[in-house]
């Protein structure tokens, strides 16, 4: 079984479920980010002595939890890739979802790193 020219197309149901899964993971992370951002609205990012690094618990949640949600979603997509591959199904769709979620996680981590450094 190789890459052959006459490959069967991916069923629309598989593609739809993969896109819905990726969107649900990203929207879930954005909801957590929005809720914790509104909870920490107006809190100072600096300590009383003017140094940075004194974040509240909600600010730490805002920085670390959304990327963790996306990483767990990507790992789950990779596990799903393995399960579909073992059944000889269209596994490349789920592999693409996993890599897409890892790329989105890098965006979240980069923005969180910028928030921690300011």
N, C-alpha and C. Protein backbone atom coordinates (compact mmCIF):
# COMPACT_ATOMS: atom_id res chain seq x y z
N UNK A 1 0.86 -1.17 0.00
CA UNK A 1 0.00 0.00 0.00
C UNK A 1 0.90 1.23 0.00
N UNK A 2 0.86 1.96 -1.06
CA UNK A 2 1.71 3.14 -1.18
C UNK A 2 0.88 4.39 -1.38
N UNK A 3 1.55 5.38 -1.92
CA UNK A 3 0.89 6.65 -2.13
C UNK A 3 0.07 6.66 -3.39
N UNK A 4 0.17 5.75 -4.25
CA UNK A 4 -0.59 5.57 -5.47
C UNK A 4 -1.27 6.80 -6.04
N UNK A 5 -1.49 6.79 -7.31
CA UNK A 5 -2.12 7.92 -7.98
C UNK A 5 -3.63 7.88 -7.78
N UNK A 6 -4.23 6.71 -7.78
CA UNK A 6 -5.67 6.58 -7.66
C UNK A 6 -6.10 6.45 -6.21
N UNK A 7 -5.88 7.48 -5.43
CA UNK A 7 -6.29 7.45 -4.03
C UNK A 7 -7.76 7.84 -3.93
N UNK A 8 -8.43 7.24 -2.97
CA UNK A 8 -9.84 7.56 -2.79
C UNK A 8 -9.98 8.90 -2.08
N UNK A 9 -10.99 9.66 -2.42
CA UNK A 9 -11.18 10.95 -1.74
C UNK A 9 -11.63 10.75 -0.30
N UNK A 10 -11.38 11.76 0.50
CA UNK A 10 -11.78 11.73 1.90
C UNK A 10 -13.28 11.96 1.98
N UNK A 11 -14.00 11.12 2.72
CA UNK A 11 -15.44 11.35 2.88
C UNK A 11 -15.70 12.69 3.57
N UNK A 12 -16.78 13.33 3.16
CA UNK A 12 -17.08 14.65 3.70
C UNK A 12 -17.39 14.60 5.19
N UNK A 13 -17.92 13.49 5.68
CA UNK A 13 -18.20 13.37 7.11
C UNK A 13 -16.93 13.37 7.95
N UNK A 14 -15.88 12.74 7.46
CA UNK A 14 -14.60 12.71 8.17
C UNK A 14 -13.99 14.10 8.19
N UNK A 15 -14.02 14.76 7.05
CA UNK A 15 -13.47 16.11 6.97
C UNK A 15 -14.26 17.08 7.86
N UNK A 16 -15.57 16.95 7.85
CA UNK A 16 -16.41 17.81 8.67
C UNK A 16 -16.14 17.60 10.16
N UNK A 17 -16.01 16.35 10.59
CA UNK A 17 -15.76 16.10 12.01
C UNK A 17 -14.39 16.60 12.43
N UNK A 18 -13.40 16.52 11.55
CA UNK A 18 -12.07 17.02 11.89
C UNK A 18 -12.07 18.54 12.01
N UNK A 19 -12.75 19.21 11.11
CA UNK A 19 -12.82 20.67 11.17
C UNK A 19 -13.60 21.12 12.40
N UNK A 20 -14.69 20.45 12.71
CA UNK A 20 -15.48 20.80 13.89
C UNK A 20 -14.67 20.56 15.16
N UNK A 21 -13.89 19.48 15.21
CA UNK A 21 -13.05 19.20 16.37
C UNK A 21 -12.01 20.30 16.57
N UNK A 22 -11.31 20.68 15.49
CA UNK A 22 -10.29 21.72 15.60
C UNK A 22 -10.91 23.05 16.01
N UNK A 23 -12.06 23.38 15.45
CA UNK A 23 -12.72 24.63 15.81
C UNK A 23 -13.18 24.62 17.26
N UNK A 24 -13.66 23.47 17.74
CA UNK A 24 -14.12 23.39 19.12
C UNK A 24 -12.96 23.55 20.10
N UNK A 25 -11.82 22.98 19.78
CA UNK A 25 -10.65 23.12 20.66
C UNK A 25 -10.20 24.57 20.72
N UNK A 26 -10.10 25.22 19.56
CA UNK A 26 -9.65 26.61 19.53
C UNK A 26 -10.67 27.53 20.20
N UNK A 27 -11.94 27.32 19.95
CA UNK A 27 -12.98 28.15 20.58
C UNK A 27 -12.99 27.93 22.09
N UNK A 28 -12.80 26.69 22.53
CA UNK A 28 -12.72 26.43 23.97
C UNK A 28 -11.57 27.17 24.62
N UNK A 29 -10.41 27.17 23.98
CA UNK A 29 -9.27 27.90 24.52
C UNK A 29 -9.53 29.40 24.52
N UNK A 30 -10.17 29.91 23.47
CA UNK A 30 -10.49 31.34 23.43
C UNK A 30 -11.51 31.73 24.49
N UNK A 31 -12.45 30.84 24.78
CA UNK A 31 -13.43 31.13 25.84
C UNK A 31 -12.74 31.20 27.20
N UNK A 32 -11.84 30.26 27.48
CA UNK A 32 -11.09 30.31 28.74
C UNK A 32 -10.26 31.58 28.80
N UNK A 33 -9.64 31.94 27.70
CA UNK A 33 -8.84 33.16 27.65
C UNK A 33 -9.70 34.40 27.91
N UNK A 34 -10.87 34.46 27.30
CA UNK A 34 -11.75 35.62 27.47
C UNK A 34 -12.29 35.72 28.89
N UNK A 35 -12.68 34.58 29.46
CA UNK A 35 -13.22 34.60 30.83
C UNK A 35 -12.16 35.04 31.82
N UNK A 36 -10.96 34.47 31.71
CA UNK A 36 -9.92 34.86 32.66
C UNK A 36 -9.42 36.27 32.41
N UNK A 37 -9.48 36.74 31.17
CA UNK A 37 -9.09 38.13 30.89
C UNK A 37 -10.07 39.10 31.52
N UNK A 38 -11.36 38.79 31.47
CA UNK A 38 -12.32 39.68 32.12
C UNK A 38 -12.23 39.60 33.63
N UNK A 39 -11.85 38.44 34.15
CA UNK A 39 -11.71 38.32 35.61
C UNK A 39 -10.49 39.09 36.12
N UNK A 40 -9.45 39.21 35.29
CA UNK A 40 -8.24 39.91 35.75
C UNK A 40 -8.16 41.33 35.22
N UNK A 41 -9.26 41.83 34.67
CA UNK A 41 -9.28 43.18 34.12
C UNK A 41 -9.01 44.21 35.21
N UNK A 42 -8.06 45.09 34.98
CA UNK A 42 -7.76 46.17 35.91
C UNK A 42 -6.76 45.81 36.97
N UNK A 43 -6.31 44.59 37.03
CA UNK A 43 -5.29 44.23 38.01
C UNK A 43 -3.92 44.63 37.49
N UNK A 44 -3.07 45.13 38.38
CA UNK A 44 -1.74 45.56 37.91
C UNK A 44 -0.87 44.37 37.53
N UNK A 45 0.00 44.60 36.54
CA UNK A 45 0.94 43.57 36.12
C UNK A 45 2.28 43.68 36.83
N UNK A 46 2.44 44.71 37.66
CA UNK A 46 3.71 44.92 38.34
C UNK A 46 3.54 44.85 39.84
N UNK A 47 4.62 44.53 40.52
CA UNK A 47 4.60 44.47 41.98
C UNK A 47 4.54 45.88 42.56
N UNK A 48 4.40 45.95 43.86
CA UNK A 48 4.34 47.26 44.52
C UNK A 48 5.65 48.02 44.38
N UNK A 49 6.76 47.30 44.29
CA UNK A 49 8.05 47.98 44.18
C UNK A 49 8.42 48.32 42.73
N UNK A 50 7.53 48.07 41.78
CA UNK A 50 7.75 48.45 40.40
C UNK A 50 8.34 47.37 39.52
N UNK A 51 8.73 46.24 40.10
CA UNK A 51 9.27 45.15 39.29
C UNK A 51 8.13 44.36 38.67
N UNK A 52 8.44 43.66 37.60
CA UNK A 52 7.40 42.87 36.96
C UNK A 52 7.43 41.45 37.50
N UNK A 53 6.39 40.70 37.21
CA UNK A 53 6.36 39.30 37.60
C UNK A 53 5.39 38.98 38.72
N UNK A 54 4.65 39.95 39.19
CA UNK A 54 3.67 39.68 40.25
C UNK A 54 2.28 39.53 39.61
N UNK A 55 2.04 38.40 39.03
CA UNK A 55 0.76 38.14 38.39
C UNK A 55 -0.18 37.46 39.37
N UNK A 56 -1.46 37.71 39.22
CA UNK A 56 -2.45 37.05 40.06
C UNK A 56 -2.71 35.64 39.53
N UNK A 57 -3.50 34.88 40.26
CA UNK A 57 -3.81 33.51 39.86
C UNK A 57 -4.56 33.50 38.53
N UNK A 58 -5.51 34.41 38.36
CA UNK A 58 -6.26 34.44 37.11
C UNK A 58 -5.37 34.82 35.93
N UNK A 59 -4.38 35.65 36.18
CA UNK A 59 -3.46 36.00 35.09
C UNK A 59 -2.57 34.81 34.73
N UNK A 60 -2.16 34.02 35.71
CA UNK A 60 -1.41 32.80 35.41
C UNK A 60 -2.28 31.80 34.64
N UNK A 61 -3.54 31.71 35.03
CA UNK A 61 -4.46 30.82 34.30
C UNK A 61 -4.60 31.31 32.87
N UNK A 62 -4.70 32.61 32.68
CA UNK A 62 -4.85 33.19 31.35
C UNK A 62 -3.62 32.90 30.49
N UNK A 63 -2.45 32.82 31.09
CA UNK A 63 -1.22 32.61 30.35
C UNK A 63 -1.00 31.13 30.03
N UNK A 64 -1.31 30.23 30.98
CA UNK A 64 -0.92 28.83 30.82
C UNK A 64 -2.03 27.88 30.39
N UNK A 65 -3.27 28.13 30.72
CA UNK A 65 -4.33 27.16 30.47
C UNK A 65 -4.76 27.10 28.99
N UNK A 66 -4.96 28.22 28.28
CA UNK A 66 -5.35 28.08 26.87
C UNK A 66 -4.33 27.31 26.01
N UNK A 67 -3.01 27.56 26.14
CA UNK A 67 -2.09 26.71 25.38
C UNK A 67 -2.15 25.24 25.80
N UNK A 68 -2.40 24.98 27.07
CA UNK A 68 -2.51 23.60 27.53
C UNK A 68 -3.73 22.91 26.93
N UNK A 69 -4.83 23.64 26.81
CA UNK A 69 -6.03 23.08 26.19
C UNK A 69 -5.75 22.72 24.73
N UNK A 70 -5.04 23.61 24.03
CA UNK A 70 -4.76 23.35 22.63
C UNK A 70 -3.77 22.20 22.47
N UNK A 71 -2.78 22.09 23.36
CA UNK A 71 -1.83 20.97 23.28
C UNK A 71 -2.56 19.65 23.52
N UNK A 72 -3.44 19.62 24.51
CA UNK A 72 -4.20 18.39 24.75
C UNK A 72 -5.08 18.04 23.54
N UNK A 73 -5.65 19.05 22.91
CA UNK A 73 -6.44 18.82 21.70
C UNK A 73 -5.59 18.28 20.56
N UNK A 74 -4.36 18.80 20.42
CA UNK A 74 -3.46 18.32 19.36
C UNK A 74 -3.01 16.89 19.63
N UNK A 75 -2.69 16.58 20.87
CA UNK A 75 -2.29 15.22 21.21
C UNK A 75 -3.44 14.25 20.97
N UNK A 76 -4.66 14.67 21.32
CA UNK A 76 -5.82 13.84 21.05
C UNK A 76 -6.02 13.63 19.55
N UNK A 77 -5.76 14.67 18.76
CA UNK A 77 -5.88 14.52 17.30
C UNK A 77 -4.82 13.54 16.78
N UNK A 78 -3.62 13.56 17.36
CA UNK A 78 -2.60 12.61 16.93
C UNK A 78 -2.96 11.17 17.35
N UNK A 79 -3.57 11.01 18.51
CA UNK A 79 -4.03 9.68 18.91
C UNK A 79 -5.13 9.21 17.97
N UNK A 80 -6.00 10.12 17.61
CA UNK A 80 -7.06 9.79 16.64
C UNK A 80 -6.46 9.42 15.29
N UNK A 81 -5.37 10.10 14.91
CA UNK A 81 -4.66 9.76 13.68
C UNK A 81 -4.19 8.31 13.71
N UNK A 82 -3.61 7.92 14.82
CA UNK A 82 -3.11 6.56 14.96
C UNK A 82 -4.24 5.54 14.89
N UNK A 83 -5.34 5.83 15.55
CA UNK A 83 -6.47 4.89 15.53
C UNK A 83 -7.06 4.75 14.13
N UNK A 84 -7.20 5.87 13.41
CA UNK A 84 -7.75 5.81 12.06
C UNK A 84 -6.75 5.12 11.13
N UNK A 85 -5.46 5.35 11.32
CA UNK A 85 -4.45 4.70 10.49
C UNK A 85 -4.48 3.19 10.66
N UNK A 86 -4.67 2.73 11.90
CA UNK A 86 -4.74 1.29 12.14
C UNK A 86 -5.95 0.65 11.46
N UNK A 87 -7.03 1.41 11.32
CA UNK A 87 -8.21 0.91 10.62
C UNK A 87 -8.11 1.11 9.11
N UNK A 88 -6.99 1.68 8.67
CA UNK A 88 -6.73 1.99 7.26
C UNK A 88 -7.74 2.99 6.70
N UNK A 89 -8.07 3.98 7.53
CA UNK A 89 -8.97 5.03 7.11
C UNK A 89 -8.21 6.27 6.66
N UNK A 90 -8.91 7.37 6.41
CA UNK A 90 -8.27 8.61 5.96
C UNK A 90 -7.60 9.34 7.13
N UNK A 91 -6.43 8.89 7.49
CA UNK A 91 -5.74 9.38 8.67
C UNK A 91 -5.07 10.72 8.47
N UNK A 92 -4.80 11.13 7.24
CA UNK A 92 -4.07 12.38 7.00
C UNK A 92 -4.86 13.61 7.43
N UNK A 93 -6.16 13.50 7.43
CA UNK A 93 -6.99 14.62 7.88
C UNK A 93 -6.72 14.90 9.35
N UNK A 94 -6.67 13.86 10.17
CA UNK A 94 -6.43 14.04 11.60
C UNK A 94 -5.00 14.45 11.88
N UNK A 95 -4.06 14.00 11.06
CA UNK A 95 -2.68 14.46 11.20
C UNK A 95 -2.59 15.96 10.93
N UNK A 96 -3.30 16.41 9.92
CA UNK A 96 -3.33 17.84 9.62
C UNK A 96 -3.96 18.65 10.75
N UNK A 97 -5.00 18.11 11.37
CA UNK A 97 -5.63 18.80 12.50
C UNK A 97 -4.65 18.91 13.67
N UNK A 98 -3.91 17.84 13.92
CA UNK A 98 -2.93 17.87 15.01
C UNK A 98 -1.85 18.91 14.78
N UNK A 99 -1.31 18.98 13.57
CA UNK A 99 -0.28 19.98 13.29
C UNK A 99 -0.85 21.39 13.28
N UNK A 100 -2.08 21.55 12.81
CA UNK A 100 -2.71 22.86 12.86
C UNK A 100 -2.86 23.34 14.30
N UNK A 101 -3.28 22.43 15.18
CA UNK A 101 -3.46 22.82 16.59
C UNK A 101 -2.11 23.13 17.24
N UNK A 102 -1.06 22.41 16.88
CA UNK A 102 0.25 22.75 17.41
C UNK A 102 0.70 24.12 16.93
N UNK A 103 0.40 24.48 15.68
CA UNK A 103 0.75 25.81 15.19
C UNK A 103 -0.04 26.89 15.93
N UNK A 104 -1.31 26.64 16.18
CA UNK A 104 -2.12 27.59 16.95
C UNK A 104 -1.58 27.71 18.37
N UNK A 105 -1.13 26.60 18.94
CA UNK A 105 -0.55 26.63 20.28
C UNK A 105 0.69 27.51 20.31
N UNK A 106 1.50 27.49 19.27
CA UNK A 106 2.68 28.36 19.22
C UNK A 106 2.28 29.83 19.23
N UNK A 107 1.19 30.17 18.57
CA UNK A 107 0.71 31.54 18.59
C UNK A 107 0.28 31.93 19.99
N UNK A 108 -0.44 31.03 20.67
CA UNK A 108 -0.87 31.31 22.04
C UNK A 108 0.33 31.45 22.97
N UNK A 109 1.33 30.59 22.83
CA UNK A 109 2.50 30.64 23.70
C UNK A 109 3.29 31.92 23.43
N UNK A 110 3.42 32.31 22.17
CA UNK A 110 4.14 33.54 21.85
C UNK A 110 3.45 34.76 22.44
N UNK A 111 2.14 34.80 22.36
CA UNK A 111 1.42 35.94 22.93
C UNK A 111 1.48 35.92 24.45
N UNK A 112 1.45 34.73 25.03
CA UNK A 112 1.56 34.63 26.49
C UNK A 112 2.96 35.04 26.95
N UNK A 113 3.97 34.66 26.18
CA UNK A 113 5.33 35.06 26.53
C UNK A 113 5.50 36.57 26.48
N UNK A 114 4.86 37.19 25.50
CA UNK A 114 4.90 38.65 25.44
C UNK A 114 4.21 39.29 26.62
N UNK A 115 3.13 38.67 27.09
CA UNK A 115 2.42 39.21 28.26
C UNK A 115 3.27 39.04 29.52
N UNK A 116 4.01 37.94 29.61
CA UNK A 116 4.85 37.73 30.79
C UNK A 116 6.05 38.66 30.80
N UNK A 117 6.57 39.00 29.65
CA UNK A 117 7.76 39.84 29.58
C UNK A 117 7.47 41.33 29.74
N UNK A 118 6.24 41.73 29.55
CA UNK A 118 5.93 43.17 29.66
C UNK A 118 5.86 43.62 31.10
